[in-house]
Amino acid sequence: MTPPGDDDLGIGAIKRSGESAPADPAAPVQGPEAAASTEAAAAVDRAAAPGTDPLGLDALTEALASGAISPVEAKAQLIDQVVASQLPADADPAVIEAVRAQVGDLLADDPTIARLLDPHG
């Protein structure tokens, strides 16, 4: 317990055996966490870079507008691209398929997606 004179609030702190001090949120990240944060920052930079199309939406939009693909095919490709962009490159194919199926189920009757993918609308 913290002695009363060392505690501004006068309540004292309880320290359990084996408990470490909380990490300093302002301290630089060390180890594997540093690589992950760098990777995330690079992804944000790529997505925000002018003139880039990280999901390939321009090609998808063009194919839909020209009639090369149907709205159903466009929706499937869009879901595939978004899921692939959100999961690690080395993700288990079964996990990728499960997430893709779940996203597809969630968007199955979405009126906004249907309107956006309607080539006549």
PDB file of N, CA and C in Angstrom:
ATOM      1  N   MET A   1       0.842  -1.185   0.000  1.00  0.00           N
ATOM      2  CA  MET A   1       0.000   0.000   0.000  1.00  0.00           C
ATOM      3  C   MET A   1       0.884   1.244   0.000  1.00  0.00           C
ATOM      4  N   THR A   2       0.490   2.261  -0.716  1.00  0.00           N
ATOM      5  CA  THR A   2       1.257   3.494  -0.791  1.00  0.00           C
ATOM      6  C   THR A   2       1.116   4.256   0.526  1.00  0.00           C
ATOM      7  N   PRO A   3       2.220   4.718   1.073  1.00  0.00           N
ATOM      8  CA  PRO A   3       2.107   5.521   2.300  1.00  0.00           C
ATOM      9  C   PRO A   3       1.277   6.766   2.042  1.00  0.00           C
ATOM     10  N   PRO A   4       0.444   7.188   3.015  1.00  0.00           N
ATOM     11  CA  PRO A   4      -0.459   8.325   2.808  1.00  0.00           C
ATOM     12  C   PRO A   4       0.241   9.593   2.349  1.00  0.00           C
ATOM     13  N   GLY A   5       1.468   9.831   2.757  1.00  0.00           N
ATOM     14  CA  GLY A   5       2.161  11.050   2.361  1.00  0.00           C
ATOM     15  C   GLY A   5       2.573  11.054   0.895  1.00  0.00           C
ATOM     16  N   ASP A   6       2.660   9.870   0.247  1.00  0.00           N
ATOM     17  CA  ASP A   6       3.073   9.762  -1.149  1.00  0.00           C
ATOM     18  C   ASP A   6       1.903   9.736  -2.113  1.00  0.00           C
ATOM     19  N   ASP A   7       0.710   9.798  -1.604  1.00  0.00           N
ATOM     20  CA  ASP A   7      -0.484   9.663  -2.443  1.00  0.00           C
ATOM     21  C   ASP A   7      -1.283  10.958  -2.383  1.00  0.00           C
ATOM     22  N   ASP A   8      -1.394  11.665  -3.525  1.00  0.00           N
ATOM     23  CA  ASP A   8      -2.103  12.943  -3.554  1.00  0.00           C
ATOM     24  C   ASP A   8      -3.547  12.840  -3.090  1.00  0.00           C
ATOM     25  N   LEU A   9      -4.208  11.737  -3.405  1.00  0.00           N
ATOM     26  CA  LEU A   9      -5.614  11.582  -3.034  1.00  0.00           C
ATOM     27  C   LEU A   9      -5.792  11.006  -1.640  1.00  0.00           C
ATOM     28  N   GLY A  10      -4.747  10.433  -1.083  1.00  0.00           N
ATOM     29  CA  GLY A  10      -4.829   9.881   0.259  1.00  0.00           C
ATOM     30  C   GLY A  10      -5.525   8.531   0.328  1.00  0.00           C
ATOM     31  N   ILE A  11      -5.712   7.861  -0.804  1.00  0.00           N
ATOM     32  CA  ILE A  11      -6.372   6.557  -0.770  1.00  0.00           C
ATOM     33  C   ILE A  11      -5.378   5.411  -0.801  1.00  0.00           C
ATOM     34  N   GLY A  12      -4.226   5.618  -1.326  1.00  0.00           N
ATOM     35  CA  GLY A  12      -3.243   4.554  -1.419  1.00  0.00           C
ATOM     36  C   GLY A  12      -3.544   3.627  -2.572  1.00  0.00           C
ATOM     37  N   ALA A  13      -2.549   2.956  -3.037  1.00  0.00           N
ATOM     38  CA  ALA A  13      -2.717   2.021  -4.154  1.00  0.00           C
ATOM     39  C   ALA A  13      -2.437   0.618  -3.669  1.00  0.00           C
ATOM     40  N   ILE A  14      -3.174  -0.327  -4.179  1.00  0.00           N
ATOM     41  CA  ILE A  14      -2.966  -1.724  -3.832  1.00  0.00           C
ATOM     42  C   ILE A  14      -2.187  -2.354  -4.972  1.00  0.00           C
ATOM     43  N   LYS A  15      -1.091  -2.989  -4.624  1.00  0.00           N
ATOM     44  CA  LYS A  15      -0.309  -3.681  -5.639  1.00  0.00           C
ATOM     45  C   LYS A  15      -0.338  -5.164  -5.317  1.00  0.00           C
ATOM     46  N   ARG A  16      -0.832  -5.937  -6.253  1.00  0.00           N
ATOM     47  CA  ARG A  16      -0.899  -7.383  -6.066  1.00  0.00           C
ATOM     48  C   ARG A  16       0.450  -7.997  -6.381  1.00  0.00           C
ATOM     49  N   SER A  17       0.723  -9.110  -5.781  1.00  0.00           N
ATOM     50  CA  SER A  17       1.973  -9.821  -6.013  1.00  0.00           C
ATOM     51  C   SER A  17       2.097 -10.198  -7.489  1.00  0.00           C
ATOM     52  N   GLY A  18       3.229  -9.930  -8.089  1.00  0.00           N
ATOM     53  CA  GLY A  18       3.478 -10.281  -9.479  1.00  0.00           C
ATOM     54  C   GLY A  18       2.900  -9.303 -10.481  1.00  0.00           C
ATOM     55  N   GLU A  19       2.230  -8.283 -10.041  1.00  0.00           N
ATOM     56  CA  GLU A  19       1.606  -7.314 -10.953  1.00  0.00           C
ATOM     57  C   GLU A  19       2.650  -6.300 -11.396  1.00  0.00           C
ATOM     58  N   SER A  20       2.672  -6.011 -12.676  1.00  0.00           N
ATOM     59  CA  SER A  20       3.639  -5.043 -13.170  1.00  0.00           C
ATOM     60  C   SER A  20       2.980  -3.680 -13.288  1.00  0.00           C
ATOM     61  N   ALA A  21       3.803  -2.687 -13.363  1.00  0.00           N
ATOM     62  CA  ALA A  21       3.295  -1.327 -13.506  1.00  0.00           C
ATOM     63  C   ALA A  21       2.657  -1.165 -14.879  1.00  0.00           C
ATOM     64  N   PRO A  22       1.617  -0.342 -14.974  1.00  0.00           N
ATOM     65  CA  PRO A  22       0.990  -0.142 -16.290  1.00  0.00           C
ATOM     66  C   PRO A  22       1.976   0.491 -17.274  1.00  0.00           C
ATOM     67  N   ALA A  23       1.823   0.133 -18.532  1.00  0.00           N
ATOM     68  CA  ALA A  23       2.699   0.668 -19.574  1.00  0.00           C
ATOM     69  C   ALA A  23       2.461   2.154 -19.749  1.00  0.00           C
ATOM     70  N   ASP A  24       3.523   2.862 -20.063  1.00  0.00           N
ATOM     71  CA  ASP A  24       3.425   4.289 -20.330  1.00  0.00           C
ATOM     72  C   ASP A  24       2.885   4.475 -21.741  1.00  0.00           C
ATOM     73  N   PRO A  25       1.666   5.048 -21.899  1.00  0.00           N
ATOM     74  CA  PRO A  25       1.093   5.182 -23.243  1.00  0.00           C
ATOM     75  C   PRO A  25       1.893   6.106 -24.155  1.00  0.00           C
ATOM     76  N   ALA A  26       2.753   6.952 -23.576  1.00  0.00           N
ATOM     77  CA  ALA A  26       3.547   7.867 -24.390  1.00  0.00           C
ATOM     78  C   ALA A  26       4.879   7.253 -24.806  1.00  0.00           C
ATOM     79  N   ALA A  27       5.200   6.085 -24.234  1.00  0.00           N
ATOM     80  CA  ALA A  27       6.480   5.446 -24.553  1.00  0.00           C
ATOM     81  C   ALA A  27       6.442   4.858 -25.959  1.00  0.00           C
ATOM     82  N   PRO A  28       7.584   4.858 -26.661  1.00  0.00           N
ATOM     83  CA  PRO A  28       7.612   4.251 -28.003  1.00  0.00           C
ATOM     84  C   PRO A  28       7.345   2.754 -27.919  1.00  0.00           C
ATOM     85  N   VAL A  29       6.690   2.225 -28.922  1.00  0.00           N
ATOM     86  CA  VAL A  29       6.369   0.800 -28.967  1.00  0.00           C
ATOM     87  C   VAL A  29       7.610   0.038 -29.379  1.00  0.00           C
ATOM     88  N   GLN A  30       7.866  -1.071 -28.706  1.00  0.00           N
ATOM     89  CA  GLN A  30       9.028  -1.903 -28.994  1.00  0.00           C
ATOM     90  C   GLN A  30       8.568  -3.281 -29.456  1.00  0.00           C
ATOM     91  N   GLY A  31       9.397  -3.989 -30.179  1.00  0.00           N
ATOM     92  CA  GLY A  31       9.124  -5.375 -30.547  1.00  0.00           C
ATOM     93  C   GLY A  31       8.132  -5.504 -31.684  1.00  0.00           C
ATOM     94  N   PRO A  32       7.418  -6.652 -31.730  1.00  0.00           N
ATOM     95  CA  PRO A  32       6.499  -6.936 -32.834  1.00  0.00           C
ATOM     96  C   PRO A  32       5.385  -5.903 -32.986  1.00  0.00           C
ATOM     97  N   GLU A  33       4.989  -5.290 -31.867  1.00  0.00           N
ATOM     98  CA  GLU A  33       3.924  -4.283 -31.952  1.00  0.00           C
ATOM     99  C   GLU A  33       4.334  -3.104 -32.829  1.00  0.00           C
ATOM    100  N   ALA A  34       5.612  -2.767 -32.829  1.00  0.00           N
ATOM    101  CA  ALA A  34       6.094  -1.654 -33.652  1.00  0.00           C
ATOM    102  C   ALA A  34       5.912  -1.963 -35.129  1.00  0.00           C
ATOM    103  N   ALA A  35       6.182  -3.203 -35.533  1.00  0.00           N
ATOM    104  CA  ALA A  35       6.019  -3.587 -36.934  1.00  0.00           C
ATOM    105  C   ALA A  35       4.560  -3.523 -37.347  1.00  0.00           C
ATOM    106  N   ALA A  36       3.670  -3.951 -36.487  1.00  0.00           N
ATOM    107  CA  ALA A  36       2.245  -3.924 -36.805  1.00  0.00           C
ATOM    108  C   ALA A  36       1.767  -2.492 -36.994  1.00  0.00           C
ATOM    109  N   SER A  37       2.213  -1.584 -36.132  1.00  0.00           N
ATOM    110  CA  SER A  37       1.755  -0.208 -36.262  1.00  0.00           C
ATOM    111  C   SER A  37       2.317   0.440 -37.526  1.00  0.00           C
ATOM    112  N   THR A  38       3.527   0.083 -37.907  1.00  0.00           N
ATOM    113  CA  THR A  38       4.117   0.604 -39.139  1.00  0.00           C
ATOM    114  C   THR A  38       3.347   0.088 -40.344  1.00  0.00           C
ATOM    115  N   GLU A  39       2.987  -1.192 -40.306  1.00  0.00           N
ATOM    116  CA  GLU A  39       2.216  -1.798 -41.395  1.00  0.00           C
ATOM    117  C   GLU A  39       0.850  -1.118 -41.524  1.00  0.00           C
ATOM    118  N   ALA A  40       0.202  -0.862 -40.403  1.00  0.00           N
ATOM    119  CA  ALA A  40      -1.105  -0.208 -40.424  1.00  0.00           C
ATOM    120  C   ALA A  40      -0.988   1.212 -40.974  1.00  0.00           C
ATOM    121  N   ALA A  41       0.049   1.917 -40.565  1.00  0.00           N
ATOM    122  CA  ALA A  41       0.250   3.280 -41.062  1.00  0.00           C
ATOM    123  C   ALA A  41       0.487   3.286 -42.564  1.00  0.00           C
ATOM    124  N   ALA A  42       1.244   2.317 -43.065  1.00  0.00           N
ATOM    125  CA  ALA A  42       1.505   2.228 -44.506  1.00  0.00           C
ATOM    126  C   ALA A  42       0.213   1.957 -45.271  1.00  0.00           C
ATOM    127  N   ALA A  43      -0.665   1.123 -44.715  1.00  0.00           N
ATOM    128  CA  ALA A  43      -1.942   0.838 -45.367  1.00  0.00           C
ATOM    129  C   ALA A  43      -2.798   2.089 -45.441  1.00  0.00           C
ATOM    130  N   VAL A  44      -2.789   2.871 -44.383  1.00  0.00           N
ATOM    131  CA  VAL A  44      -3.555   4.124 -44.378  1.00  0.00           C
ATOM    132  C   VAL A  44      -2.985   5.075 -45.418  1.00  0.00           C
ATOM    133  N   ASP A  45      -1.666   5.174 -45.490  1.00  0.00           N
ATOM    134  CA  ASP A  45      -1.033   6.045 -46.485  1.00  0.00           C
ATOM    135  C   ASP A  45      -1.410   5.632 -47.901  1.00  0.00           C
ATOM    136  N   ARG A  46      -1.383   4.307 -48.182  1.00  0.00           N
ATOM    137  CA  ARG A  46      -1.734   3.825 -49.518  1.00  0.00           C
ATOM    138  C   ARG A  46      -3.189   4.148 -49.840  1.00  0.00           C
ATOM    139  N   ALA A  47      -4.072   3.950 -48.870  1.00  0.00           N
ATOM    140  CA  ALA A  47      -5.497   4.191 -49.103  1.00  0.00           C
ATOM    141  C   ALA A  47      -5.786   5.671 -49.296  1.00  0.00           C
ATOM    142  N   ALA A  48      -5.025   6.523 -48.619  1.00  0.00           N
ATOM    143  CA  ALA A  48      -5.281   7.956 -48.683  1.00  0.00           C
ATOM    144  C   ALA A  48      -4.537   8.645 -49.824  1.00  0.00           C
ATOM    145  N   ALA A  49      -3.630   7.931 -50.476  1.00  0.00           N
ATOM    146  CA  ALA A  49      -2.835   8.545 -51.534  1.00  0.00           C
ATOM    147  C   ALA A  49      -3.722   8.923 -52.717  1.00  0.00           C
ATOM    148  N   PRO A  50      -3.592  10.159 -53.203  1.00  0.00           N
ATOM    149  CA  PRO A  50      -4.405  10.575 -54.330  1.00  0.00           C
ATOM    150  C   PRO A  50      -4.116   9.732 -55.574  1.00  0.00           C
ATOM    151  N   GLY A  51      -5.154   9.427 -56.310  1.00  0.00           N
ATOM    152  CA  GLY A  51      -5.002   8.679 -57.551  1.00  0.00           C
ATOM    153  C   GLY A  51      -4.873   7.183 -57.368  1.00  0.00           C
ATOM    154  N   THR A  52      -5.027   6.689 -56.137  1.00  0.00           N
ATOM    155  CA  THR A  52      -4.937   5.251 -55.922  1.00  0.00           C
ATOM    156  C   THR A  52      -6.337   4.669 -55.758  1.00  0.00           C
ATOM    157  N   ASP A  53      -6.454   3.401 -56.055  1.00  0.00           N
ATOM    158  CA  ASP A  53      -7.728   2.693 -55.941  1.00  0.00           C
ATOM    159  C   ASP A  53      -7.429   1.329 -55.326  1.00  0.00           C
ATOM    160  N   PRO A  54      -7.176   1.297 -53.993  1.00  0.00           N
ATOM    161  CA  PRO A  54      -6.709   0.063 -53.368  1.00  0.00           C
ATOM    162  C   PRO A  54      -7.673  -1.116 -53.492  1.00  0.00           C
ATOM    163  N   LEU A  55      -8.960  -0.863 -53.650  1.00  0.00           N
ATOM    164  CA  LEU A  55      -9.924  -1.959 -53.770  1.00  0.00           C
ATOM    165  C   LEU A  55     -10.266  -2.283 -55.215  1.00  0.00           C
ATOM    166  N   GLY A  56      -9.718  -1.540 -56.169  1.00  0.00           N
ATOM    167  CA  GLY A  56     -10.030  -1.799 -57.561  1.00  0.00           C
ATOM    168  C   GLY A  56     -11.459  -1.405 -57.919  1.00  0.00           C
ATOM    169  N   LEU A  57     -11.975  -0.414 -57.237  1.00  0.00           N
ATOM    170  CA  LEU A  57     -13.364  -0.005 -57.471  1.00  0.00           C
ATOM    171  C   LEU A  57     -13.574   0.611 -58.844  1.00  0.00           C
ATOM    172  N   ASP A  58     -12.559   1.274 -59.374  1.00  0.00           N
ATOM    173  CA  ASP A  58     -12.704   1.880 -60.698  1.00  0.00           C
ATOM    174  C   ASP A  58     -12.967   0.813 -61.764  1.00  0.00           C
ATOM    175  N   ALA A  59     -12.183  -0.266 -61.725  1.00  0.00           N
ATOM    176  CA  ALA A  59     -12.365  -1.354 -62.694  1.00  0.00           C
ATOM    177  C   ALA A  59     -13.704  -2.048 -62.483  1.00  0.00           C
ATOM    178  N   LEU A  60     -14.084  -2.239 -61.234  1.00  0.00           N
ATOM    179  CA  LEU A  60     -15.366  -2.875 -60.923  1.00  0.00           C
ATOM    180  C   LEU A  60     -16.530  -2.011 -61.417  1.00  0.00           C
ATOM    181  N   THR A  61     -16.433  -0.719 -61.197  1.00  0.00           N
ATOM    182  CA  THR A  61     -17.474   0.209 -61.641  1.00  0.00           C
ATOM    183  C   THR A  61     -17.584   0.208 -63.161  1.00  0.00           C
ATOM    184  N   GLU A  62     -16.440   0.224 -63.825  1.00  0.00           N
ATOM    185  CA  GLU A  62     -16.430   0.222 -65.295  1.00  0.00           C
ATOM    186  C   GLU A  62     -17.042  -1.068 -65.844  1.00  0.00           C
ATOM    187  N   ALA A  63     -16.676  -2.198 -65.258  1.00  0.00           N
ATOM    188  CA  ALA A  63     -17.215  -3.486 -65.716  1.00  0.00           C
ATOM    189  C   ALA A  63     -18.722  -3.564 -65.503  1.00  0.00           C
ATOM    190  N   LEU A  64     -19.196  -3.045 -64.403  1.00  0.00           N
ATOM    191  CA  LEU A  64     -20.636  -3.040 -64.120  1.00  0.00           C
ATOM    192  C   LEU A  64     -21.360  -2.113 -65.090  1.00  0.00           C
ATOM    193  N   ALA A  65     -20.829  -0.923 -65.291  1.00  0.00           N
ATOM    194  CA  ALA A  65     -21.473   0.055 -66.179  1.00  0.00           C
ATOM    195  C   ALA A  65     -21.506  -0.420 -67.625  1.00  0.00           C
ATOM    196  N   SER A  66     -20.484  -1.157 -68.051  1.00  0.00           N
ATOM    197  CA  SER A  66     -20.437  -1.630 -69.442  1.00  0.00           C
ATOM    198  C   SER A  66     -21.253  -2.896 -69.662  1.00  0.00           C
ATOM    199  N   GLY A  67     -21.717  -3.490 -68.570  1.00  0.00           N
ATOM    200  CA  GLY A  67     -22.490  -4.720 -68.689  1.00  0.00           C
ATOM    201  C   GLY A  67     -21.633  -5.970 -68.734  1.00  0.00           C
ATOM    202  N   ALA A  68     -20.323  -5.810 -68.533  1.00  0.00           N
ATOM    203  CA  ALA A  68     -19.423  -6.962 -68.550  1.00  0.00           C
ATOM    204  C   ALA A  68     -19.693  -7.900 -67.370  1.00  0.00           C
ATOM    205  N   ILE A  69     -20.175  -7.340 -66.268  1.00  0.00           N
ATOM    206  CA  ILE A  69     -20.562  -8.156 -65.115  1.00  0.00           C
ATOM    207  C   ILE A  69     -21.940  -7.717 -64.640  1.00  0.00           C
ATOM    208  N   SER A  70     -22.637  -8.612 -63.993  1.00  0.00           N
ATOM    209  CA  SER A  70     -23.969  -8.314 -63.459  1.00  0.00           C
ATOM    210  C   SER A  70     -23.834  -7.686 -62.074  1.00  0.00           C
ATOM    211  N   PRO A  71     -24.912  -7.080 -61.567  1.00  0.00           N
ATOM    212  CA  PRO A  71     -24.876  -6.559 -60.199  1.00  0.00           C
ATOM    213  C   PRO A  71     -24.540  -7.639 -59.166  1.00  0.00           C
ATOM    214  N   VAL A  72     -25.009  -8.858 -59.387  1.00  0.00           N
ATOM    215  CA  VAL A  72     -24.710  -9.954 -58.458  1.00  0.00           C
ATOM    216  C   VAL A  72     -23.211 -10.259 -58.461  1.00  0.00           C
ATOM    217  N   GLU A  73     -22.617 -10.290 -59.656  1.00  0.00           N
ATOM    218  CA  GLU A  73     -21.178 -10.531 -59.766  1.00  0.00           C
ATOM    219  C   GLU A  73     -20.387  -9.367 -59.163  1.00  0.00           C
ATOM    220  N   ALA A  74     -20.851  -8.154 -59.401  1.00  0.00           N
ATOM    221  CA  ALA A  74     -20.177  -6.975 -58.858  1.00  0.00           C
ATOM    222  C   ALA A  74     -20.205  -7.005 -57.335  1.00  0.00           C
ATOM    223  N   LYS A  75     -21.341  -7.372 -56.772  1.00  0.00           N
ATOM    224  CA  LYS A  75     -21.471  -7.450 -55.314  1.00  0.00           C
ATOM    225  C   LYS A  75     -20.519  -8.506 -54.752  1.00  0.00           C
ATOM    226  N   ALA A  76     -20.448  -9.655 -55.392  1.00  0.00           N
ATOM    227  CA  ALA A  76     -19.550 -10.722 -54.935  1.00  0.00           C
ATOM    228  C   ALA A  76     -18.094 -10.268 -55.003  1.00  0.00           C
ATOM    229  N   GLN A  77     -17.717  -9.605 -56.097  1.00  0.00           N
ATOM    230  CA  GLN A  77     -16.341  -9.127 -56.243  1.00  0.00           C
ATOM    231  C   GLN A  77     -16.028  -8.044 -55.218  1.00  0.00           C
ATOM    232  N   LEU A  78     -16.982  -7.155 -54.985  1.00  0.00           N
ATOM    233  CA  LEU A  78     -16.795  -6.096 -53.997  1.00  0.00           C
ATOM    234  C   LEU A  78     -16.577  -6.690 -52.612  1.00  0.00           C
ATOM    235  N   ILE A  79     -17.400  -7.659 -52.247  1.00  0.00           N
ATOM    236  CA  ILE A  79     -17.255  -8.320 -50.943  1.00  0.00           C
ATOM    237  C   ILE A  79     -15.898  -9.004 -50.859  1.00  0.00           C
ATOM    238  N   ASP A  80     -15.507  -9.718 -51.911  1.00  0.00           N
ATOM    239  CA  ASP A  80     -14.207 -10.396 -51.917  1.00  0.00           C
ATOM    240  C   ASP A  80     -13.060  -9.407 -51.718  1.00  0.00           C
ATOM    241  N   GLN A  81     -13.122  -8.290 -52.426  1.00  0.00           N
ATOM    242  CA  GLN A  81     -12.055  -7.299 -52.346  1.00  0.00           C
ATOM    243  C   GLN A  81     -11.988  -6.654 -50.965  1.00  0.00           C
ATOM    244  N   VAL A  82     -13.133  -6.336 -50.402  1.00  0.00           N
ATOM    245  CA  VAL A  82     -13.150  -5.700 -49.079  1.00  0.00           C
ATOM    246  C   VAL A  82     -12.655  -6.677 -48.020  1.00  0.00           C
ATOM    247  N   VAL A  83     -13.129  -7.907 -48.054  1.00  0.00           N
ATOM    248  CA  VAL A  83     -12.678  -8.910 -47.082  1.00  0.00           C
ATOM    249  C   VAL A  83     -11.173  -9.127 -47.207  1.00  0.00           C
ATOM    250  N   ALA A  84     -10.676  -9.259 -48.424  1.00  0.00           N
ATOM    251  CA  ALA A  84      -9.241  -9.465 -48.636  1.00  0.00           C
ATOM    252  C   ALA A  84      -8.425  -8.286 -48.110  1.00  0.00           C
ATOM    253  N   SER A  85      -8.959  -7.085 -48.232  1.00  0.00           N
ATOM    254  CA  SER A  85      -8.219  -5.907 -47.775  1.00  0.00           C
ATOM    255  C   SER A  85      -8.198  -5.785 -46.251  1.00  0.00           C
ATOM    256  N   GLN A  86      -9.124  -6.435 -45.576  1.00  0.00           N
ATOM    257  CA  GLN A  86      -9.223  -6.307 -44.126  1.00  0.00           C
ATOM    258  C   GLN A  86      -8.543  -7.438 -43.360  1.00  0.00           C
ATOM    259  N   LEU A  87      -8.261  -8.549 -44.029  1.00  0.00           N
ATOM    260  CA  LEU A  87      -7.634  -9.685 -43.364  1.00  0.00           C
ATOM    261  C   LEU A  87      -6.150  -9.742 -43.713  1.00  0.00           C
ATOM    262  N   PRO A  88      -5.346 -10.342 -42.845  1.00  0.00           N
ATOM    263  CA  PRO A  88      -3.920 -10.469 -43.161  1.00  0.00           C
ATOM    264  C   PRO A  88      -3.709 -11.306 -44.419  1.00  0.00           C
ATOM    265  N   ALA A  89      -2.653 -11.036 -45.124  1.00  0.00           N
ATOM    266  CA  ALA A  89      -2.359 -11.752 -46.372  1.00  0.00           C
ATOM    267  C   ALA A  89      -2.200 -13.252 -46.147  1.00  0.00           C
ATOM    268  N   ASP A  90      -1.759 -13.645 -44.959  1.00  0.00           N
ATOM    269  CA  ASP A  90      -1.553 -15.068 -44.678  1.00  0.00           C
ATOM    270  C   ASP A  90      -2.719 -15.702 -43.915  1.00  0.00           C
ATOM    271  N   ALA A  91      -3.891 -15.073 -43.979  1.00  0.00           N
ATOM    272  CA  ALA A  91      -5.059 -15.609 -43.269  1.00  0.00           C
ATOM    273  C   ALA A  91      -5.443 -16.975 -43.827  1.00  0.00           C
ATOM    274  N   ASP A  92      -5.936 -17.814 -42.962  1.00  0.00           N
ATOM    275  CA  ASP A  92      -6.386 -19.157 -43.337  1.00  0.00           C
ATOM    276  C   ASP A  92      -7.511 -19.035 -44.367  1.00  0.00           C
ATOM    277  N   PRO A  93      -7.438 -19.742 -45.488  1.00  0.00           N
ATOM    278  CA  PRO A  93      -8.489 -19.673 -46.505  1.00  0.00           C
ATOM    279  C   PRO A  93      -9.886 -19.985 -45.952  1.00  0.00           C
ATOM    280  N   ALA A  94      -9.964 -20.868 -44.959  1.00  0.00           N
ATOM    281  CA  ALA A  94     -11.268 -21.179 -44.354  1.00  0.00           C
ATOM    282  C   ALA A  94     -11.823 -19.965 -43.611  1.00  0.00           C
ATOM    283  N   VAL A  95     -10.949 -19.210 -42.964  1.00  0.00           N
ATOM    284  CA  VAL A  95     -11.378 -17.989 -42.265  1.00  0.00           C
ATOM    285  C   VAL A  95     -11.836 -16.951 -43.281  1.00  0.00           C
ATOM    286  N   ILE A  96     -11.078 -16.796 -44.352  1.00  0.00           N
ATOM    287  CA  ILE A  96     -11.444 -15.834 -45.395  1.00  0.00           C
ATOM    288  C   ILE A  96     -12.825 -16.167 -45.950  1.00  0.00           C
ATOM    289  N   GLU A  97     -13.051 -17.423 -46.258  1.00  0.00           N
ATOM    290  CA  GLU A  97     -14.344 -17.839 -46.813  1.00  0.00           C
ATOM    291  C   GLU A  97     -15.468 -17.635 -45.797  1.00  0.00           C
ATOM    292  N   ALA A  98     -15.209 -17.929 -44.530  1.00  0.00           N
ATOM    293  CA  ALA A  98     -16.235 -17.748 -43.502  1.00  0.00           C
ATOM    294  C   ALA A  98     -16.605 -16.272 -43.350  1.00  0.00           C
ATOM    295  N   VAL A  99     -15.605 -15.400 -43.355  1.00  0.00           N
ATOM    296  CA  VAL A  99     -15.870 -13.953 -43.238  1.00  0.00           C
ATOM    297  C   VAL A  99     -16.601 -13.458 -44.484  1.00  0.00           C
ATOM    298  N   ARG A 100     -16.141 -13.911 -45.661  1.00  0.00           N
ATOM    299  CA  ARG A 100     -16.795 -13.508 -46.907  1.00  0.00           C
ATOM    300  C   ARG A 100     -18.264 -13.927 -46.913  1.00  0.00           C
ATOM    301  N   ALA A 101     -18.548 -15.147 -46.479  1.00  0.00           N
ATOM    302  CA  ALA A 101     -19.924 -15.638 -46.442  1.00  0.00           C
ATOM    303  C   ALA A 101     -20.764 -14.836 -45.454  1.00  0.00           C
ATOM    304  N   GLN A 102     -20.172 -14.509 -44.305  1.00  0.00           N
ATOM    305  CA  GLN A 102     -20.911 -13.744 -43.300  1.00  0.00           C
ATOM    306  C   GLN A 102     -21.214 -12.331 -43.803  1.00  0.00           C
ATOM    307  N   VAL A 103     -20.247 -11.691 -44.428  1.00  0.00           N
ATOM    308  CA  VAL A 103     -20.476 -10.348 -44.979  1.00  0.00           C
ATOM    309  C   VAL A 103     -21.532 -10.425 -46.079  1.00  0.00           C
ATOM    310  N   GLY A 104     -21.446 -11.434 -46.929  1.00  0.00           N
ATOM    311  CA  GLY A 104     -22.450 -11.620 -47.981  1.00  0.00           C
ATOM    312  C   GLY A 104     -23.847 -11.784 -47.403  1.00  0.00           C
ATOM    313  N   ASP A 105     -23.968 -12.561 -46.335  1.00  0.00           N
ATOM    314  CA  ASP A 105     -25.273 -12.735 -45.678  1.00  0.00           C
ATOM    315  C   ASP A 105     -25.780 -11.427 -45.098  1.00  0.00           C
ATOM    316  N   LEU A 106     -24.881 -10.652 -44.504  1.00  0.00           N
ATOM    317  CA  LEU A 106     -25.283  -9.373 -43.904  1.00  0.00           C
ATOM    318  C   LEU A 106     -25.754  -8.367 -44.954  1.00  0.00           C
ATOM    319  N   LEU A 107     -25.179  -8.451 -46.141  1.00  0.00           N
ATOM    320  CA  LEU A 107     -25.520  -7.492 -47.202  1.00  0.00           C
ATOM    321  C   LEU A 107     -26.534  -8.035 -48.206  1.00  0.00           C
ATOM    322  N   ALA A 108     -27.028  -9.240 -47.976  1.00  0.00           N
ATOM    323  CA  ALA A 108     -27.906  -9.903 -48.949  1.00  0.00           C
ATOM    324  C   ALA A 108     -29.120  -9.050 -49.329  1.00  0.00           C
ATOM    325  N   ASP A 109     -29.753  -8.444 -48.377  1.00  0.00           N
ATOM    326  CA  ASP A 109     -30.962  -7.662 -48.657  1.00  0.00           C
ATOM    327  C   ASP A 109     -30.775  -6.172 -48.394  1.00  0.00           C
ATOM    328  N   ASP A 110     -29.550  -5.708 -48.472  1.00  0.00           N
ATOM    329  CA  ASP A 110     -29.262  -4.301 -48.191  1.00  0.00           C
ATOM    330  C   ASP A 110     -29.720  -3.434 -49.360  1.00  0.00           C
ATOM    331  N   PRO A 111     -30.691  -2.549 -49.129  1.00  0.00           N
ATOM    332  CA  PRO A 111     -31.212  -1.727 -50.227  1.00  0.00           C
ATOM    333  C   PRO A 111     -30.198  -0.707 -50.759  1.00  0.00           C
ATOM    334  N   THR A 112     -29.318  -0.237 -49.914  1.00  0.00           N
ATOM    335  CA  THR A 112     -28.318   0.740 -50.367  1.00  0.00           C
ATOM    336  C   THR A 112     -27.349   0.089 -51.345  1.00  0.00           C
ATOM    337  N   ILE A 113     -26.863  -1.102 -51.011  1.00  0.00           N
ATOM    338  CA  ILE A 113     -25.956  -1.823 -51.919  1.00  0.00           C
ATOM    339  C   ILE A 113     -26.674  -2.120 -53.236  1.00  0.00           C
ATOM    340  N   ALA A 114     -27.936  -2.547 -53.139  1.00  0.00           N
ATOM    341  CA  ALA A 114     -28.696  -2.850 -54.358  1.00  0.00           C
ATOM    342  C   ALA A 114     -28.813  -1.620 -55.248  1.00  0.00           C
ATOM    343  N   ARG A 115     -29.101  -0.450 -54.640  1.00  0.00           N
ATOM    344  CA  ARG A 115     -29.215   0.792 -55.434  1.00  0.00           C
ATOM    345  C   ARG A 115     -27.871   1.178 -56.054  1.00  0.00           C
ATOM    346  N   LEU A 116     -26.797   1.030 -55.275  1.00  0.00           N
ATOM    347  CA  LEU A 116     -25.476   1.401 -55.787  1.00  0.00           C
ATOM    348  C   LEU A 116     -25.019   0.511 -56.924  1.00  0.00           C
ATOM    349  N   LEU A 117     -25.455  -0.739 -56.905  1.00  0.00           N
ATOM    350  CA  LEU A 117     -25.032  -1.687 -57.932  1.00  0.00           C
ATOM    351  C   LEU A 117     -26.016  -1.788 -59.092  1.00  0.00           C
ATOM    352  N   ASP A 118     -27.072  -1.006 -59.060  1.00  0.00           N
ATOM    353  CA  ASP A 118     -28.058  -1.029 -60.148  1.00  0.00           C
ATOM    354  C   ASP A 118     -27.516  -0.200 -61.317  1.00  0.00           C
ATOM    355  N   PRO A 119     -27.202  -0.858 -62.442  1.00  0.00           N
ATOM    356  CA  PRO A 119     -26.622  -0.122 -63.567  1.00  0.00           C
ATOM    357  C   PRO A 119     -27.586   0.892 -64.200  1.00  0.00           C
ATOM    358  N   HIS A 120     -28.856   0.774 -63.894  1.00  0.00           N
ATOM    359  CA  HIS A 120     -29.861   1.698 -64.462  1.00  0.00           C
ATOM    360  C   HIS A 120     -30.269   2.771 -63.465  1.00  0.00           C
ATOM    361  N   GLY A 121     -29.779   2.688 -62.274  1.00  0.00           N
ATOM    362  CA  GLY A 121     -30.268   3.574 -61.226  1.00  0.00           C
ATOM    363  C   GLY A 121     -29.428   4.721 -60.958  1.00  0.00           C
TER     364      GLY A 121
END
